Amino acid sequence: MNNKLYVGQLSFSVDSNALGDFFSAAGQVTSAKVITDRETGRSKGFGFVEFSTEEEAQKAINDFNGQELNGRAINVSIAKPQEDRKSGGGGRGGFGGGGRGGFRKNY
């Protein structure tokens, strides 16, 4: 079922509540989430909106793709499935930093 949408080019002032409110004109929004940076909490400029039906999601694409939200023309499309992510950086099972030297005693 493709009722989850990707929304790009969001103004950094748009939060999850504002995103859900904006898209509710197209149908019943079951979730709306603006993606934020883990460290700063600042918006990354994109988010996801999920509708109760595919028809509502398609209506939202037709109605809102290219429309302005808080001064920016947004991109709206069907969300692609999330790809599996490999854990942490570096070799040795994702614990990072493998093989880049370190403390060495001089005997």
PDB file of N, CA and C in Angstrom:
ATOM      1  N   MET A   1       0.841  -1.186   0.000  1.00  0.00           N
ATOM      2  CA  MET A   1       0.000   0.000   0.000  1.00  0.00           C
ATOM      3  C   MET A   1       0.882   1.245   0.000  1.00  0.00           C
ATOM      4  N   ASN A   2       0.716   2.127  -0.983  1.00  0.00           N
ATOM      5  CA  ASN A   2       1.511   3.344  -1.108  1.00  0.00           C
ATOM      6  C   ASN A   2       0.732   4.559  -0.633  1.00  0.00           C
ATOM      7  N   ASN A   3       0.623   4.677   0.674  1.00  0.00           N
ATOM      8  CA  ASN A   3      -0.080   5.839   1.205  1.00  0.00           C
ATOM      9  C   ASN A   3       0.853   6.730   2.021  1.00  0.00           C
ATOM     10  N   LYS A   4       2.176   6.481   1.904  1.00  0.00           N
ATOM     11  CA  LYS A   4       3.164   7.307   2.593  1.00  0.00           C
ATOM     12  C   LYS A   4       3.877   8.179   1.569  1.00  0.00           C
ATOM     13  N   LEU A   5       3.949   9.483   1.853  1.00  0.00           N
ATOM     14  CA  LEU A   5       4.528  10.435   0.920  1.00  0.00           C
ATOM     15  C   LEU A   5       5.809  11.047   1.462  1.00  0.00           C
ATOM     16  N   TYR A   6       6.719  11.314   0.559  1.00  0.00           N
ATOM     17  CA  TYR A   6       7.924  12.080   0.851  1.00  0.00           C
ATOM     18  C   TYR A   6       7.614  13.534   0.510  1.00  0.00           C
ATOM     19  N   VAL A   7       8.000  14.445   1.393  1.00  0.00           N
ATOM     20  CA  VAL A   7       7.808  15.872   1.149  1.00  0.00           C
ATOM     21  C   VAL A   7       9.172  16.544   1.276  1.00  0.00           C
ATOM     22  N   GLY A   8       9.667  17.101   0.168  1.00  0.00           N
ATOM     23  CA  GLY A   8      10.973  17.739   0.155  1.00  0.00           C
ATOM     24  C   GLY A   8      10.881  19.233  -0.050  1.00  0.00           C
ATOM     25  N   GLN A   9      12.009  19.902   0.126  1.00  0.00           N
ATOM     26  CA  GLN A   9      12.132  21.347  -0.033  1.00  0.00           C
ATOM     27  C   GLN A   9      11.343  22.116   1.026  1.00  0.00           C
ATOM     28  N   LEU A  10      11.208  21.530   2.218  1.00  0.00           N
ATOM     29  CA  LEU A  10      10.476  22.209   3.281  1.00  0.00           C
ATOM     30  C   LEU A  10      11.276  23.374   3.848  1.00  0.00           C
ATOM     31  N   SER A  11      10.575  24.417   4.205  1.00  0.00           N
ATOM     32  CA  SER A  11      11.182  25.517   4.941  1.00  0.00           C
ATOM     33  C   SER A  11      11.608  24.983   6.303  1.00  0.00           C
ATOM     34  N   PHE A  12      12.722  25.480   6.826  1.00  0.00           N
ATOM     35  CA  PHE A  12      13.202  25.015   8.127  1.00  0.00           C
ATOM     36  C   PHE A  12      12.270  25.406   9.264  1.00  0.00           C
ATOM     37  N   SER A  13      11.325  26.292   9.007  1.00  0.00           N
ATOM     38  CA  SER A  13      10.376  26.709  10.040  1.00  0.00           C
ATOM     39  C   SER A  13       9.175  25.766  10.163  1.00  0.00           C
ATOM     40  N   VAL A  14       9.023  24.834   9.233  1.00  0.00           N
ATOM     41  CA  VAL A  14       7.887  23.901   9.258  1.00  0.00           C
ATOM     42  C   VAL A  14       8.191  22.763  10.239  1.00  0.00           C
ATOM     43  N   ASP A  15       7.258  22.528  11.175  1.00  0.00           N
ATOM     44  CA  ASP A  15       7.419  21.393  12.089  1.00  0.00           C
ATOM     45  C   ASP A  15       6.406  20.311  11.725  1.00  0.00           C
ATOM     46  N   SER A  16       6.434  19.203  12.465  1.00  0.00           N
ATOM     47  CA  SER A  16       5.566  18.067  12.143  1.00  0.00           C
ATOM     48  C   SER A  16       4.085  18.424  12.229  1.00  0.00           C
ATOM     49  N   ASN A  17       3.700  19.229  13.218  1.00  0.00           N
ATOM     50  CA  ASN A  17       2.296  19.626  13.351  1.00  0.00           C
ATOM     51  C   ASN A  17       1.826  20.463  12.172  1.00  0.00           C
ATOM     52  N   ALA A  18       2.641  21.426  11.766  1.00  0.00           N
ATOM     53  CA  ALA A  18       2.289  22.274  10.624  1.00  0.00           C
ATOM     54  C   ALA A  18       2.197  21.450   9.343  1.00  0.00           C
ATOM     55  N   LEU A  19       3.083  20.477   9.197  1.00  0.00           N
ATOM     56  CA  LEU A  19       3.068  19.610   8.015  1.00  0.00           C
ATOM     57  C   LEU A  19       1.770  18.811   7.960  1.00  0.00           C
ATOM     58  N   GLY A  20       1.380  18.212   9.076  1.00  0.00           N
ATOM     59  CA  GLY A  20       0.137  17.447   9.133  1.00  0.00           C
ATOM     60  C   GLY A  20      -1.083  18.306   8.869  1.00  0.00           C
ATOM     61  N   ASP A  21      -1.092  19.500   9.456  1.00  0.00           N
ATOM     62  CA  ASP A  21      -2.221  20.418   9.246  1.00  0.00           C
ATOM     63  C   ASP A  21      -2.351  20.808   7.772  1.00  0.00           C
ATOM     64  N   PHE A  22      -1.231  21.106   7.127  1.00  0.00           N
ATOM     65  CA  PHE A  22      -1.241  21.506   5.722  1.00  0.00           C
ATOM     66  C   PHE A  22      -1.819  20.402   4.839  1.00  0.00           C
ATOM     67  N   PHE A  23      -1.409  19.166   5.070  1.00  0.00           N
ATOM     68  CA  PHE A  23      -1.831  18.049   4.228  1.00  0.00           C
ATOM     69  C   PHE A  23      -3.211  17.507   4.579  1.00  0.00           C
ATOM     70  N   SER A  24      -3.771  17.895   5.696  1.00  0.00           N
ATOM     71  CA  SER A  24      -5.082  17.378   6.098  1.00  0.00           C
ATOM     72  C   SER A  24      -6.195  17.806   5.140  1.00  0.00           C
ATOM     73  N   ALA A  25      -5.946  18.808   4.313  1.00  0.00           N
ATOM     74  CA  ALA A  25      -6.940  19.229   3.317  1.00  0.00           C
ATOM     75  C   ALA A  25      -7.159  18.147   2.253  1.00  0.00           C
ATOM     76  N   ALA A  26      -6.199  17.226   2.109  1.00  0.00           N
ATOM     77  CA  ALA A  26      -6.317  16.173   1.096  1.00  0.00           C
ATOM     78  C   ALA A  26      -6.965  14.910   1.637  1.00  0.00           C
ATOM     79  N   GLY A  27      -7.067  14.782   2.962  1.00  0.00           N
ATOM     80  CA  GLY A  27      -7.645  13.579   3.549  1.00  0.00           C
ATOM     81  C   GLY A  27      -7.168  13.369   4.968  1.00  0.00           C
ATOM     82  N   GLN A  28      -7.412  12.170   5.486  1.00  0.00           N
ATOM     83  CA  GLN A  28      -7.062  11.859   6.865  1.00  0.00           C
ATOM     84  C   GLN A  28      -5.572  11.523   6.982  1.00  0.00           C
ATOM     85  N   VAL A  29      -4.840  12.414   7.624  1.00  0.00           N
ATOM     86  CA  VAL A  29      -3.415  12.213   7.848  1.00  0.00           C
ATOM     87  C   VAL A  29      -3.258  11.323   9.079  1.00  0.00           C
ATOM     88  N   THR A  30      -2.592  10.169   8.908  1.00  0.00           N
ATOM     89  CA  THR A  30      -2.379   9.276  10.045  1.00  0.00           C
ATOM     90  C   THR A  30      -1.062   9.568  10.751  1.00  0.00           C
ATOM     91  N   SER A  31      -0.092  10.159  10.039  1.00  0.00           N
ATOM     92  CA  SER A  31       1.142  10.605  10.674  1.00  0.00           C
ATOM     93  C   SER A  31       1.828  11.639   9.792  1.00  0.00           C
ATOM     94  N   ALA A  32       2.538  12.537  10.440  1.00  0.00           N
ATOM     95  CA  ALA A  32       3.329  13.546   9.742  1.00  0.00           C
ATOM     96  C   ALA A  32       4.593  13.773  10.554  1.00  0.00           C
ATOM     97  N   LYS A  33       5.745  13.712   9.894  1.00  0.00           N
ATOM     98  CA  LYS A  33       7.021  13.821  10.619  1.00  0.00           C
ATOM     99  C   LYS A  33       8.025  14.594   9.790  1.00  0.00           C
ATOM    100  N   VAL A  34       8.518  15.698  10.349  1.00  0.00           N
ATOM    101  CA  VAL A  34       9.636  16.421   9.750  1.00  0.00           C
ATOM    102  C   VAL A  34      10.904  15.798  10.314  1.00  0.00           C
ATOM    103  N   ILE A  35      11.829  15.450   9.450  1.00  0.00           N
ATOM    104  CA  ILE A  35      13.067  14.804   9.875  1.00  0.00           C
ATOM    105  C   ILE A  35      14.038  15.873  10.371  1.00  0.00           C
ATOM    106  N   THR A  36      14.618  15.613  11.549  1.00  0.00           N
ATOM    107  CA  THR A  36      15.520  16.577  12.162  1.00  0.00           C
ATOM    108  C   THR A  36      16.899  15.964  12.395  1.00  0.00           C
ATOM    109  N   ASP A  37      17.882  16.822  12.494  1.00  0.00           N
ATOM    110  CA  ASP A  37      19.243  16.407  12.806  1.00  0.00           C
ATOM    111  C   ASP A  37      19.290  15.936  14.257  1.00  0.00           C
ATOM    112  N   ARG A  38      19.906  14.791  14.498  1.00  0.00           N
ATOM    113  CA  ARG A  38      19.960  14.230  15.858  1.00  0.00           C
ATOM    114  C   ARG A  38      20.687  15.127  16.844  1.00  0.00           C
ATOM    115  N   GLU A  39      21.752  15.756  16.400  1.00  0.00           N
ATOM    116  CA  GLU A  39      22.572  16.551  17.303  1.00  0.00           C
ATOM    117  C   GLU A  39      22.002  17.937  17.565  1.00  0.00           C
ATOM    118  N   THR A  40      21.528  18.606  16.509  1.00  0.00           N
ATOM    119  CA  THR A  40      21.078  19.994  16.666  1.00  0.00           C
ATOM    120  C   THR A  40      19.569  20.124  16.835  1.00  0.00           C
ATOM    121  N   GLY A  41      18.813  19.114  16.406  1.00  0.00           N
ATOM    122  CA  GLY A  41      17.360  19.192  16.459  1.00  0.00           C
ATOM    123  C   GLY A  41      16.775  20.043  15.350  1.00  0.00           C
ATOM    124  N   ARG A  42      17.598  20.560  14.463  1.00  0.00           N
ATOM    125  CA  ARG A  42      17.149  21.408  13.357  1.00  0.00           C
ATOM    126  C   ARG A  42      16.604  20.565  12.216  1.00  0.00           C
ATOM    127  N   SER A  43      15.569  21.078  11.559  1.00  0.00           N
ATOM    128  CA  SER A  43      14.968  20.383  10.424  1.00  0.00           C
ATOM    129  C   SER A  43      16.001  20.136   9.333  1.00  0.00           C
ATOM    130  N   LYS A  44      15.876  18.981   8.673  1.00  0.00           N
ATOM    131  CA  LYS A  44      16.730  18.679   7.529  1.00  0.00           C
ATOM    132  C   LYS A  44      16.076  19.111   6.215  1.00  0.00           C
ATOM    133  N   GLY A  45      14.871  19.680   6.295  1.00  0.00           N
ATOM    134  CA  GLY A  45      14.215  20.202   5.095  1.00  0.00           C
ATOM    135  C   GLY A  45      13.362  19.197   4.347  1.00  0.00           C
ATOM    136  N   PHE A  46      13.083  18.053   4.981  1.00  0.00           N
ATOM    137  CA  PHE A  46      12.178  17.090   4.358  1.00  0.00           C
ATOM    138  C   PHE A  46      11.434  16.334   5.440  1.00  0.00           C
ATOM    139  N   GLY A  47      10.380  15.646   5.012  1.00  0.00           N
ATOM    140  CA  GLY A  47       9.587  14.882   5.968  1.00  0.00           C
ATOM    141  C   GLY A  47       8.718  13.869   5.258  1.00  0.00           C
ATOM    142  N   PHE A  48       7.847  13.225   6.043  1.00  0.00           N
ATOM    143  CA  PHE A  48       6.962  12.193   5.517  1.00  0.00           C
ATOM    144  C   PHE A  48       5.557  12.411   6.059  1.00  0.00           C
ATOM    145  N   VAL A  49       4.581  12.164   5.193  1.00  0.00           N
ATOM    146  CA  VAL A  49       3.172  12.257   5.575  1.00  0.00           C
ATOM    147  C   VAL A  49       2.504  10.955   5.161  1.00  0.00           C
ATOM    148  N   GLU A  50       1.740  10.376   6.068  1.00  0.00           N
ATOM    149  CA  GLU A  50       1.042   9.127   5.765  1.00  0.00           C
ATOM    150  C   GLU A  50      -0.459   9.363   5.848  1.00  0.00           C
ATOM    151  N   PHE A  51      -1.167   8.846   4.845  1.00  0.00           N
ATOM    152  CA  PHE A  51      -2.621   8.977   4.768  1.00  0.00           C
ATOM    153  C   PHE A  51      -3.278   7.636   5.045  1.00  0.00           C
ATOM    154  N   SER A  52      -4.577   7.674   5.330  1.00  0.00           N
ATOM    155  CA  SER A  52      -5.294   6.441   5.624  1.00  0.00           C
ATOM    156  C   SER A  52      -5.547   5.612   4.363  1.00  0.00           C
ATOM    157  N   THR A  53      -5.568   6.244   3.180  1.00  0.00           N
ATOM    158  CA  THR A  53      -5.799   5.503   1.933  1.00  0.00           C
ATOM    159  C   THR A  53      -4.838   5.969   0.833  1.00  0.00           C
ATOM    160  N   GLU A  54      -4.647   5.104  -0.158  1.00  0.00           N
ATOM    161  CA  GLU A  54      -3.835   5.456  -1.323  1.00  0.00           C
ATOM    162  C   GLU A  54      -4.465   6.596  -2.116  1.00  0.00           C
ATOM    163  N   GLU A  55      -5.788   6.618  -2.175  1.00  0.00           N
ATOM    164  CA  GLU A  55      -6.498   7.657  -2.925  1.00  0.00           C
ATOM    165  C   GLU A  55      -6.228   9.041  -2.332  1.00  0.00           C
ATOM    166  N   GLU A  56      -6.222   9.124  -1.000  1.00  0.00           N
ATOM    167  CA  GLU A  56      -5.933  10.407  -0.345  1.00  0.00           C
ATOM    168  C   GLU A  56      -4.484  10.822  -0.603  1.00  0.00           C
ATOM    169  N   ALA A  57      -3.580   9.848  -0.575  1.00  0.00           N
ATOM    170  CA  ALA A  57      -2.176  10.146  -0.848  1.00  0.00           C
ATOM    171  C   ALA A  57      -2.007  10.671  -2.277  1.00  0.00           C
ATOM    172  N   GLN A  58      -2.661  10.039  -3.232  1.00  0.00           N
ATOM    173  CA  GLN A  58      -2.573  10.490  -4.623  1.00  0.00           C
ATOM    174  C   GLN A  58      -3.174  11.880  -4.786  1.00  0.00           C
ATOM    175  N   LYS A  59      -4.270  12.144  -4.085  1.00  0.00           N
ATOM    176  CA  LYS A  59      -4.897  13.481  -4.121  1.00  0.00           C
ATOM    177  C   LYS A  59      -3.921  14.522  -3.575  1.00  0.00           C
ATOM    178  N   ALA A  60      -3.197  14.177  -2.517  1.00  0.00           N
ATOM    179  CA  ALA A  60      -2.225  15.105  -1.935  1.00  0.00           C
ATOM    180  C   ALA A  60      -1.095  15.411  -2.916  1.00  0.00           C
ATOM    181  N   ILE A  61      -0.628  14.394  -3.636  1.00  0.00           N
ATOM    182  CA  ILE A  61       0.404  14.622  -4.646  1.00  0.00           C
ATOM    183  C   ILE A  61      -0.117  15.581  -5.707  1.00  0.00           C
ATOM    184  N   ASN A  62      -1.323  15.294  -6.215  1.00  0.00           N
ATOM    185  CA  ASN A  62      -1.916  16.131  -7.261  1.00  0.00           C
ATOM    186  C   ASN A  62      -2.150  17.562  -6.789  1.00  0.00           C
ATOM    187  N   ASP A  63      -2.608  17.713  -5.537  1.00  0.00           N
ATOM    188  CA  ASP A  63      -2.970  19.035  -5.021  1.00  0.00           C
ATOM    189  C   ASP A  63      -1.770  19.863  -4.550  1.00  0.00           C
ATOM    190  N   PHE A  64      -0.737  19.204  -4.013  1.00  0.00           N
ATOM    191  CA  PHE A  64       0.299  19.959  -3.300  1.00  0.00           C
ATOM    192  C   PHE A  64       1.690  19.943  -3.928  1.00  0.00           C
ATOM    193  N   ASN A  65       1.976  19.035  -4.850  1.00  0.00           N
ATOM    194  CA  ASN A  65       3.296  19.037  -5.470  1.00  0.00           C
ATOM    195  C   ASN A  65       3.520  20.360  -6.201  1.00  0.00           C
ATOM    196  N   GLY A  66       4.584  21.064  -5.825  1.00  0.00           N
ATOM    197  CA  GLY A  66       4.895  22.364  -6.430  1.00  0.00           C
ATOM    198  C   GLY A  66       4.228  23.546  -5.751  1.00  0.00           C
ATOM    199  N   GLN A  67       3.330  23.276  -4.810  1.00  0.00           N
ATOM    200  CA  GLN A  67       2.661  24.361  -4.090  1.00  0.00           C
ATOM    201  C   GLN A  67       3.599  24.960  -3.047  1.00  0.00           C
ATOM    202  N   GLU A  68       3.277  26.161  -2.617  1.00  0.00           N
ATOM    203  CA  GLU A  68       4.107  26.861  -1.657  1.00  0.00           C
ATOM    204  C   GLU A  68       3.649  26.591  -0.221  1.00  0.00           C
ATOM    205  N   LEU A  69       4.613  26.310   0.646  1.00  0.00           N
ATOM    206  CA  LEU A  69       4.368  26.150   2.070  1.00  0.00           C
ATOM    207  C   LEU A  69       5.436  26.961   2.798  1.00  0.00           C
ATOM    208  N   ASN A  70       5.011  27.967   3.534  1.00  0.00           N
ATOM    209  CA  ASN A  70       5.934  28.875   4.248  1.00  0.00           C
ATOM    210  C   ASN A  70       7.013  29.445   3.330  1.00  0.00           C
ATOM    211  N   GLY A  71       6.592  29.858   2.134  1.00  0.00           N
ATOM    212  CA  GLY A  71       7.496  30.545   1.220  1.00  0.00           C
ATOM    213  C   GLY A  71       8.355  29.673   0.325  1.00  0.00           C
ATOM    214  N   ARG A  72       8.174  28.346   0.371  1.00  0.00           N
ATOM    215  CA  ARG A  72       8.965  27.465  -0.485  1.00  0.00           C
ATOM    216  C   ARG A  72       8.065  26.508  -1.240  1.00  0.00           C
ATOM    217  N   ALA A  73       8.389  26.293  -2.517  1.00  0.00           N
ATOM    218  CA  ALA A  73       7.651  25.320  -3.331  1.00  0.00           C
ATOM    219  C   ALA A  73       8.110  23.926  -2.919  1.00  0.00           C
ATOM    220  N   ILE A  74       7.178  23.096  -2.465  1.00  0.00           N
ATOM    221  CA  ILE A  74       7.519  21.771  -1.956  1.00  0.00           C
ATOM    222  C   ILE A  74       7.416  20.706  -3.043  1.00  0.00           C
ATOM    223  N   ASN A  75       8.172  19.627  -2.865  1.00  0.00           N
ATOM    224  CA  ASN A  75       8.104  18.449  -3.737  1.00  0.00           C
ATOM    225  C   ASN A  75       7.376  17.359  -2.977  1.00  0.00           C
ATOM    226  N   VAL A  76       6.380  16.761  -3.613  1.00  0.00           N
ATOM    227  CA  VAL A  76       5.598  15.703  -2.968  1.00  0.00           C
ATOM    228  C   VAL A  76       5.578  14.495  -3.889  1.00  0.00           C
ATOM    229  N   SER A  77       5.963  13.333  -3.347  1.00  0.00           N
ATOM    230  CA  SER A  77       5.973  12.101  -4.137  1.00  0.00           C
ATOM    231  C   SER A  77       5.776  10.909  -3.211  1.00  0.00           C
ATOM    232  N   ILE A  78       5.524   9.749  -3.820  1.00  0.00           N
ATOM    233  CA  ILE A  78       5.407   8.509  -3.044  1.00  0.00           C
ATOM    234  C   ILE A  78       6.758   8.243  -2.377  1.00  0.00           C
ATOM    235  N   ALA A  79       6.733   7.905  -1.100  1.00  0.00           N
ATOM    236  CA  ALA A  79       7.970   7.607  -0.368  1.00  0.00           C
ATOM    237  C   ALA A  79       8.512   6.260  -0.815  1.00  0.00           C
ATOM    238  N   LYS A  80       9.808   6.197  -1.011  1.00  0.00           N
ATOM    239  CA  LYS A  80      10.457   4.938  -1.360  1.00  0.00           C
ATOM    240  C   LYS A  80      10.714   4.169  -0.067  1.00  0.00           C
ATOM    241  N   PRO A  81      10.703   2.838  -0.124  1.00  0.00           N
ATOM    242  CA  PRO A  81      10.990   2.061   1.083  1.00  0.00           C
ATOM    243  C   PRO A  81      12.384   2.384   1.623  1.00  0.00           C
ATOM    244  N   GLN A  82      12.507   2.431   2.939  1.00  0.00           N
ATOM    245  CA  GLN A  82      13.790   2.724   3.565  1.00  0.00           C
ATOM    246  C   GLN A  82      14.757   1.586   3.320  1.00  0.00           C
ATOM    247  N   GLU A  83      15.977   1.931   2.899  1.00  0.00           N
ATOM    248  CA  GLU A  83      17.000   0.923   2.663  1.00  0.00           C
ATOM    249  C   GLU A  83      17.612   0.502   3.988  1.00  0.00           C
ATOM    250  N   ASP A  84      18.050  -0.762   4.053  1.00  0.00           N
ATOM    251  CA  ASP A  84      18.756  -1.225   5.243  1.00  0.00           C
ATOM    252  C   ASP A  84      20.065  -0.462   5.356  1.00  0.00           C
ATOM    253  N   ARG A  85      20.376  -0.029   6.582  1.00  0.00           N
ATOM    254  CA  ARG A  85      21.613   0.705   6.813  1.00  0.00           C
ATOM    255  C   ARG A  85      22.580  -0.191   7.575  1.00  0.00           C
ATOM    256  N   LYS A  86      23.813  -0.134   7.175  1.00  0.00           N
ATOM    257  CA  LYS A  86      24.854  -0.867   7.890  1.00  0.00           C
ATOM    258  C   LYS A  86      25.163  -0.102   9.173  1.00  0.00           C
ATOM    259  N   SER A  87      25.565  -0.830  10.218  1.00  0.00           N
ATOM    260  CA  SER A  87      25.857  -0.166  11.482  1.00  0.00           C
ATOM    261  C   SER A  87      27.204   0.529  11.445  1.00  0.00           C
ATOM    262  N   GLY A  88      27.360   1.555  12.266  1.00  0.00           N
ATOM    263  CA  GLY A  88      28.546   2.349  12.548  1.00  0.00           C
ATOM    264  C   GLY A  88      29.717   2.288  11.602  1.00  0.00           C
ATOM    265  N   GLY A  89      30.571   3.291  11.670  1.00  0.00           N
ATOM    266  CA  GLY A  89      31.696   3.409  10.767  1.00  0.00           C
ATOM    267  C   GLY A  89      32.876   2.537  11.141  1.00  0.00           C
ATOM    268  N   GLY A  90      33.784   2.391  10.205  1.00  0.00           N
ATOM    269  CA  GLY A  90      35.013   1.661  10.454  1.00  0.00           C
ATOM    270  C   GLY A  90      34.829   0.153  10.426  1.00  0.00           C
ATOM    271  N   GLY A  91      35.922  -0.538  10.338  1.00  0.00           N
ATOM    272  CA  GLY A  91      35.890  -1.988  10.294  1.00  0.00           C
ATOM    273  C   GLY A  91      35.595  -2.595  11.656  1.00  0.00           C
ATOM    274  N   ARG A  92      35.850  -3.863  11.778  1.00  0.00           N
ATOM    275  CA  ARG A  92      35.704  -4.598  13.027  1.00  0.00           C
ATOM    276  C   ARG A  92      34.293  -4.528  13.599  1.00  0.00           C
ATOM    277  N   GLY A  93      33.318  -4.901  12.802  1.00  0.00           N
ATOM    278  CA  GLY A  93      31.953  -5.038  13.303  1.00  0.00           C
ATOM    279  C   GLY A  93      31.252  -3.749  13.653  1.00  0.00           C
ATOM    280  N   GLY A  94      31.656  -2.637  13.057  1.00  0.00           N
ATOM    281  CA  GLY A  94      30.959  -1.383  13.293  1.00  0.00           C
ATOM    282  C   GLY A  94      31.364  -0.666  14.560  1.00  0.00           C
ATOM    283  N   PHE A  95      32.483  -1.062  15.165  1.00  0.00           N
ATOM    284  CA  PHE A  95      32.909  -0.379  16.379  1.00  0.00           C
ATOM    285  C   PHE A  95      33.782   0.824  16.074  1.00  0.00           C
ATOM    286  N   GLY A  96      34.109   1.023  14.824  1.00  0.00           N
ATOM    287  CA  GLY A  96      34.807   2.218  14.376  1.00  0.00           C
ATOM    288  C   GLY A  96      36.276   2.257  14.761  1.00  0.00           C
ATOM    289  N   GLY A  97      37.007   3.043  14.029  1.00  0.00           N
ATOM    290  CA  GLY A  97      38.377   3.338  14.363  1.00  0.00           C
ATOM    291  C   GLY A  97      39.377   2.214  14.203  1.00  0.00           C
ATOM    292  N   GLY A  98      38.994   1.090  13.682  1.00  0.00           N
ATOM    293  CA  GLY A  98      39.906  -0.048  13.588  1.00  0.00           C
ATOM    294  C   GLY A  98      41.148   0.262  12.774  1.00  0.00           C
ATOM    295  N   GLY A  99      42.314  -0.031  13.350  1.00  0.00           N
ATOM    296  CA  GLY A  99      43.566   0.049  12.613  1.00  0.00           C
ATOM    297  C   GLY A  99      44.092   1.433  12.328  1.00  0.00           C
ATOM    298  N   ARG A 100      43.732   2.446  13.091  1.00  0.00           N
ATOM    299  CA  ARG A 100      44.280   3.768  12.788  1.00  0.00           C
ATOM    300  C   ARG A 100      45.301   4.217  13.827  1.00  0.00           C
ATOM    301  N   GLY A 101      45.975   3.281  14.428  1.00  0.00           N
ATOM    302  CA  GLY A 101      47.047   3.613  15.356  1.00  0.00           C
ATOM    303  C   GLY A 101      46.544   3.873  16.757  1.00  0.00           C
ATOM    304  N   GLY A 102      47.379   4.433  17.556  1.00  0.00           N
ATOM    305  CA  GLY A 102      47.011   4.735  18.924  1.00  0.00           C
ATOM    306  C   GLY A 102      48.237   4.818  19.782  1.00  0.00           C
ATOM    307  N   PHE A 103      48.076   4.615  21.062  1.00  0.00           N
ATOM    308  CA  PHE A 103      49.171   4.715  22.013  1.00  0.00           C
ATOM    309  C   PHE A 103      50.142   3.560  21.824  1.00  0.00           C
ATOM    310  N   ARG A 104      51.406   3.904  21.828  1.00  0.00           N
ATOM    311  CA  ARG A 104      52.433   2.871  21.674  1.00  0.00           C
ATOM    312  C   ARG A 104      53.532   3.118  22.705  1.00  0.00           C
ATOM    313  N   LYS A 105      53.820   2.094  23.463  1.00  0.00           N
ATOM    314  CA  LYS A 105      54.874   2.197  24.475  1.00  0.00           C
ATOM    315  C   LYS A 105      56.235   2.031  23.810  1.00  0.00           C
ATOM    316  N   ASN A 106      57.161   2.795  24.244  1.00  0.00           N
ATOM    317  CA  ASN A 106      58.546   2.613  23.805  1.00  0.00           C
ATOM    318  C   ASN A 106      59.279   1.863  24.902  1.00  0.00           C
ATOM    319  N   TYR A 107      59.719   0.658  24.649  1.00  0.00           N
ATOM    320  CA  TYR A 107      60.416  -0.148  25.655  1.00  0.00           C
ATOM    321  C   TYR A 107      61.898   0.047  25.585  1.00  0.00           C
TER     322      TYR A 107
END
